[in-house]
N, C-alpha and C. Protein backbone atom coordinates (compact mmCIF):
# COMPACT_ATOMS: atom_id res chain seq x y z
N MET A 1 81.22 87.81 91.87
CA MET A 1 80.27 89.04 91.80
C MET A 1 80.20 90.69 92.27
N LEU A 2 80.04 91.83 91.42
CA LEU A 2 80.83 92.84 91.74
C LEU A 2 79.73 93.97 92.31
N ARG A 3 80.08 94.60 93.06
CA ARG A 3 79.19 95.36 94.11
C ARG A 3 79.95 96.32 94.13
N ILE A 4 79.01 97.60 94.08
CA ILE A 4 79.41 98.91 93.79
C ILE A 4 79.06 100.12 95.40
N LEU A 5 80.31 99.97 96.18
CA LEU A 5 79.75 100.33 97.84
C LEU A 5 79.72 102.17 97.66
N ASN A 6 79.07 102.66 97.96
CA ASN A 6 79.21 104.40 98.58
C ASN A 6 79.23 104.46 98.99
N LEU A 7 81.14 104.64 99.72
CA LEU A 7 81.51 105.02 100.38
C LEU A 7 82.99 105.88 100.55
N ARG A 8 83.31 106.86 100.94
CA ARG A 8 84.48 108.41 101.77
C ARG A 8 85.40 107.45 101.02
N ALA A 9 86.26 106.53 100.33
CA ALA A 9 86.94 105.65 101.20
C ALA A 9 88.09 106.94 100.34
N GLN A 10 89.10 106.61 102.05
CA GLN A 10 90.40 107.56 101.19
C GLN A 10 91.92 105.79 100.94
N CYS A 11 91.41 104.81 101.46
CA CYS A 11 93.03 104.29 101.43
C CYS A 11 91.43 102.83 101.18
N VAL A 12 92.33 101.51 101.04
CA VAL A 12 91.60 100.21 100.37
C VAL A 12 93.30 99.43 101.38
N PHE A 13 92.46 98.44 102.07
CA PHE A 13 93.78 97.16 102.31
C PHE A 13 92.65 95.53 102.13
N ILE A 14 93.18 95.12 101.66
CA ILE A 14 93.13 93.51 101.79
C ILE A 14 93.59 92.47 102.83
N ASP A 15 92.35 92.23 103.51
CA ASP A 15 93.48 91.95 104.70
C ASP A 15 93.80 90.05 104.22
N ASN A 16 92.42 89.80 103.96
CA ASN A 16 92.33 88.82 103.01
C ASN A 16 90.78 87.66 102.86
N SER A 17 90.57 87.01 102.34
CA SER A 17 89.49 86.95 101.38
C SER A 17 88.21 87.24 101.39
N GLU A 18 88.13 88.05 103.05
CA GLU A 18 86.59 87.76 103.42
C GLU A 18 87.38 89.70 104.34
N ASN A 19 87.68 89.37 104.69
CA ASN A 19 87.57 91.14 104.93
C ASN A 19 89.33 92.40 104.50
N ILE A 20 87.72 93.51 104.28
CA ILE A 20 88.45 94.72 103.32
C ILE A 20 88.64 95.61 104.52
N LEU A 21 89.83 96.09 104.97
CA LEU A 21 89.86 97.10 105.46
C LEU A 21 90.04 98.87 104.39
N SER A 22 89.46 99.51 105.52
CA SER A 22 89.07 100.76 104.64
C SER A 22 89.55 102.12 105.69
N ILE A 23 90.07 103.26 105.11
CA ILE A 23 89.45 104.00 105.71
C ILE A 23 89.26 105.31 105.57
N VAL A 24 86.95 105.29 105.77
CA VAL A 24 86.59 106.41 104.85
C VAL A 24 86.69 107.91 105.75
N LYS A 25 86.09 108.22 105.07
CA LYS A 25 85.63 110.22 105.14
C LYS A 25 84.03 110.29 105.28
N ASP A 26 83.78 111.18 106.88
CA ASP A 26 82.01 111.16 107.84
C ASP A 26 82.68 112.08 108.00
N GLU A 27 81.75 113.58 107.96
CA GLU A 27 81.79 115.09 107.57
C GLU A 27 83.27 115.42 109.14
N ARG A 28 83.46 115.08 109.71
CA ARG A 28 84.17 115.04 111.15
C ARG A 28 85.16 114.56 111.19
N LYS A 29 85.05 113.36 111.29
CA LYS A 29 86.42 112.22 111.55
C LYS A 29 86.87 111.34 109.84
N LEU A 30 88.33 110.07 110.44
CA LEU A 30 88.47 109.65 109.55
C LEU A 30 87.73 108.59 110.51
N LYS A 31 87.25 107.39 110.16
CA LYS A 31 87.46 105.50 110.31
C LYS A 31 87.83 104.79 109.81
N LEU A 32 87.92 103.69 110.11
CA LEU A 32 88.20 102.71 110.42
C LEU A 32 87.23 101.73 109.90
N ILE A 33 87.20 101.04 109.43
CA ILE A 33 86.14 100.14 108.43
C ILE A 33 86.44 99.11 108.29
N ARG A 34 85.82 97.69 108.91
CA ARG A 34 85.88 96.49 108.23
C ARG A 34 84.96 95.85 107.01
N LEU A 35 84.86 95.39 105.98
CA LEU A 35 83.45 95.41 105.36
C LEU A 35 84.02 93.25 105.14
N ARG A 36 83.34 92.63 105.24
CA ARG A 36 83.66 91.49 105.48
C ARG A 36 82.29 90.73 104.88
N GLY A 37 82.57 88.88 104.14
CA GLY A 37 81.78 88.22 103.88
C GLY A 37 82.34 88.51 102.10
N SER A 38 81.81 87.57 101.20
CA SER A 38 81.98 87.45 99.91
C SER A 38 81.33 88.98 98.91
N GLU A 39 80.45 89.37 100.09
CA GLU A 39 80.13 90.88 98.81
C GLU A 39 79.90 92.02 99.60
N ALA A 40 80.72 91.80 100.76
CA ALA A 40 80.92 93.00 101.31
C ALA A 40 79.83 93.74 102.03
N SER A 41 79.28 92.76 102.54
CA SER A 41 78.01 93.51 103.01
C SER A 41 77.60 93.75 104.28
N ASN A 42 78.24 93.42 105.30
CA ASN A 42 78.16 93.54 106.43
C ASN A 42 80.09 94.92 106.78
N ILE A 43 79.11 96.11 106.77
CA ILE A 43 80.83 96.89 107.44
C ILE A 43 80.66 97.51 109.21
N GLU A 44 81.61 96.86 109.04
CA GLU A 44 81.67 97.25 111.31
C GLU A 44 82.39 98.33 110.90
N VAL A 45 82.72 98.87 111.85
CA VAL A 45 83.40 100.58 111.98
C VAL A 45 84.03 99.89 113.65
N LEU A 46 85.42 99.98 112.78
CA LEU A 46 86.35 99.45 114.11
C LEU A 46 86.97 100.79 115.27
N HIS A 47 87.40 102.23 114.58
CA HIS A 47 88.74 102.61 114.93
C HIS A 47 87.85 104.34 114.19
N ASP A 48 87.84 105.17 115.53
CA ASP A 48 87.74 107.10 114.63
C ASP A 48 89.26 107.75 114.47
N PHE A 49 89.47 108.03 113.76
CA PHE A 49 90.88 109.50 114.66
C PHE A 49 90.17 110.29 114.02
N GLU A 50 91.09 111.61 114.83
CA GLU A 50 90.77 112.90 114.32
C GLU A 50 91.87 112.99 113.56
N GLY A 51 91.20 113.79 111.88
CA GLY A 51 92.14 114.47 110.98
C GLY A 51 91.43 114.45 109.38
N THR A 52 91.87 114.62 108.55
CA THR A 52 92.01 114.79 107.72
C THR A 52 91.90 113.96 106.63
N GLU A 53 92.87 113.59 106.06
CA GLU A 53 93.98 112.67 105.16
C GLU A 53 94.25 111.26 105.68
N SER A 54 94.22 110.56 104.47
CA SER A 54 94.89 109.35 105.33
C SER A 54 95.30 108.44 103.67
N LEU A 55 96.52 107.97 103.69
CA LEU A 55 96.93 107.54 102.53
C LEU A 55 97.75 105.94 102.50
N LEU A 56 97.38 106.42 103.72
CA LEU A 56 98.08 104.50 104.02
C LEU A 56 97.63 103.39 104.68
N LEU A 57 97.67 102.58 104.38
CA LEU A 57 96.72 101.56 105.50
C LEU A 57 97.12 100.22 104.87
N THR A 58 98.21 98.76 105.66
CA THR A 58 99.21 98.17 105.42
C THR A 58 99.27 97.51 106.73
N LYS A 59 99.46 96.08 107.05
CA LYS A 59 100.34 95.12 107.28
C LYS A 59 101.53 94.57 107.24
N ALA A 60 101.85 94.92 108.22
CA ALA A 60 103.31 94.09 108.09
C ALA A 60 103.75 92.99 109.32
N LEU A 61 104.35 92.23 108.87
CA LEU A 61 104.06 90.60 109.34
C LEU A 61 102.51 90.93 110.93
N ASP A 62 102.21 90.98 112.17
CA ASP A 62 101.22 91.23 112.74
C ASP A 62 100.55 92.27 113.15
N THR A 63 101.14 93.45 112.90
CA THR A 63 100.59 94.70 113.06
C THR A 63 100.09 95.98 111.93
N TYR A 64 99.57 96.55 112.23
CA TYR A 64 98.70 97.46 111.60
C TYR A 64 99.88 98.72 111.03
N PHE A 65 99.60 98.97 110.11
CA PHE A 65 99.86 101.08 110.28
C PHE A 65 98.93 101.51 108.96
N VAL A 66 98.49 102.78 109.79
CA VAL A 66 97.91 103.87 109.24
C VAL A 66 98.61 104.97 109.24
N SER A 67 98.27 106.25 108.75
CA SER A 67 98.87 107.33 107.60
C SER A 67 97.50 108.03 108.23
N ILE A 68 97.62 109.51 108.90
CA ILE A 68 96.20 109.97 109.39
C ILE A 68 97.32 111.10 109.82
N ASP A 69 96.62 112.60 108.41
CA ASP A 69 97.48 113.63 108.39
C ASP A 69 99.36 113.41 108.24
N ASN A 70 99.58 113.70 109.74
CA ASN A 70 101.79 114.05 109.58
C ASN A 70 101.86 112.70 110.50
N LYS A 71 100.53 111.84 111.02
CA LYS A 71 101.05 110.77 111.69
C LYS A 71 101.09 109.28 111.76
N VAL A 72 101.67 108.15 111.93
CA VAL A 72 101.60 107.29 111.19
C VAL A 72 100.96 106.69 112.88
N TYR A 73 100.25 105.29 113.11
CA TYR A 73 99.81 104.78 113.63
C TYR A 73 100.10 103.27 113.29
N MET A 74 100.16 102.55 114.82
CA MET A 74 99.83 101.33 114.43
C MET A 74 99.18 100.14 115.25
N SER A 75 98.54 99.26 116.09
CA SER A 75 98.13 98.01 115.75
C SER A 75 97.84 97.28 116.09
N ARG A 76 98.39 95.55 116.69
CA ARG A 76 97.96 94.44 116.38
C ARG A 76 96.10 93.85 116.49
N ASP A 77 95.19 94.94 116.98
CA ASP A 77 94.03 94.53 116.82
C ASP A 77 93.35 95.05 115.83
N LEU A 78 93.31 96.13 116.07
CA LEU A 78 92.58 97.47 114.68
C LEU A 78 92.25 97.75 115.69
N THR A 79 91.52 97.85 117.28
CA THR A 79 90.89 98.98 117.80
C THR A 79 91.98 100.07 118.80
N GLU A 80 93.06 99.07 119.44
CA GLU A 80 93.92 99.99 119.74
C GLU A 80 95.07 100.34 119.58
N TRP A 81 95.19 102.01 118.98
CA TRP A 81 95.47 102.75 118.08
C TRP A 81 97.38 103.46 119.11
N ARG A 82 97.82 103.26 118.62
CA ARG A 82 98.88 104.01 119.27
C ARG A 82 100.32 104.83 118.23
N LYS A 83 100.70 105.70 118.70
CA LYS A 83 100.91 106.63 117.51
C LYS A 83 102.58 106.21 117.04
N THR A 84 102.87 106.10 116.79
CA THR A 84 104.72 105.91 116.90
C THR A 84 105.08 106.34 115.94
N LEU A 85 104.94 107.84 114.80
CA LEU A 85 105.59 108.80 113.65
C LEU A 85 105.24 109.69 113.98
N GLN A 86 105.63 110.61 113.71
CA GLN A 86 105.49 112.29 113.25
C GLN A 86 106.34 113.23 112.55
N LEU A 87 105.83 113.12 111.61
CA LEU A 87 106.70 114.30 111.18
C LEU A 87 107.00 115.50 111.01
N LYS A 88 107.43 116.06 111.15
CA LYS A 88 108.01 117.93 111.96
C LYS A 88 107.18 118.90 110.91
N ASN A 89 107.29 118.47 109.04
CA ASN A 89 106.28 119.41 108.46
C ASN A 89 104.86 119.12 108.79
N GLU A 90 103.76 119.39 109.45
CA GLU A 90 102.25 119.46 109.25
C GLU A 90 101.37 118.92 107.35
N ALA A 91 101.96 119.62 106.83
CA ALA A 91 101.89 119.26 105.38
C ALA A 91 102.07 118.09 104.53
N ASN A 92 103.26 117.49 105.11
CA ASN A 92 103.42 116.28 104.36
C ASN A 92 102.42 115.25 105.16
N ILE A 93 102.51 113.53 104.10
CA ILE A 93 101.64 112.95 104.84
C ILE A 93 102.59 110.99 104.29
N ILE A 94 102.52 110.72 105.25
CA ILE A 94 102.96 109.11 105.30
C ILE A 94 101.91 108.89 103.68
N TRP A 95 103.19 107.86 102.91
CA TRP A 95 101.79 107.79 101.37
C TRP A 95 102.37 106.10 101.24
N HIS A 96 103.63 105.76 101.78
CA HIS A 96 103.71 104.24 101.16
C HIS A 96 104.54 103.90 101.97
N ALA A 97 104.71 102.21 102.31
CA ALA A 97 105.71 101.85 103.24
C ALA A 97 106.14 100.21 102.62
N CYS A 98 107.16 99.96 102.85
CA CYS A 98 107.97 99.14 102.26
C CYS A 98 108.08 97.70 103.51
N GLU A 99 108.03 96.60 103.59
CA GLU A 99 108.72 96.09 104.75
C GLU A 99 110.42 95.04 103.63
N THR A 100 111.09 95.21 104.71
CA THR A 100 112.19 94.36 104.39
C THR A 100 112.15 93.78 105.28
N GLN A 101 112.91 92.38 105.75
CA GLN A 101 113.85 91.98 106.78
C GLN A 101 113.50 92.11 108.10
N GLU A 102 114.12 93.43 107.81
CA GLU A 102 114.66 93.99 109.25
C GLU A 102 113.81 95.32 110.08
N ALA A 103 113.44 95.65 108.95
CA ALA A 103 112.24 97.63 108.53
C ALA A 103 111.47 97.42 107.70
N ILE A 104 110.73 98.42 108.41
CA ILE A 104 109.54 99.43 107.48
C ILE A 104 110.15 100.09 107.55
N ILE A 105 110.08 101.26 105.90
CA ILE A 105 110.62 102.21 104.69
C ILE A 105 109.33 102.61 104.60
N LEU A 106 109.34 103.72 105.75
CA LEU A 106 107.72 104.81 104.74
C LEU A 106 107.59 106.28 104.27
N GLN A 107 108.10 106.12 103.58
CA GLN A 107 107.62 107.09 102.85
C GLN A 107 106.72 108.23 102.66
N GLU A 108 107.10 109.28 102.66
CA GLU A 108 106.62 110.61 103.00
C GLU A 108 106.84 111.56 101.29
């Protein structure tokens, strides 16, 4: 069944058949949410981020990555996030990630 959700999503990641993760924007913050169930009827807010833009939400092995403005954060549990990278140019943003056997390549 197709369901239309009225969310201001900036990026979406399908974690598995029952979980969809998304970064949505409200008036002041970016929120990481999880939609559960086949109809995505249960919306759970996992974390609030300070920032205005998010283009990357992905998972490599057991670690999640999200870009917020010119920073990249990582988490294993989706609730505690650690800044792992900050670009020198505040106008740039990480928008793509590629996983290899040895590393994760981020593209700005």
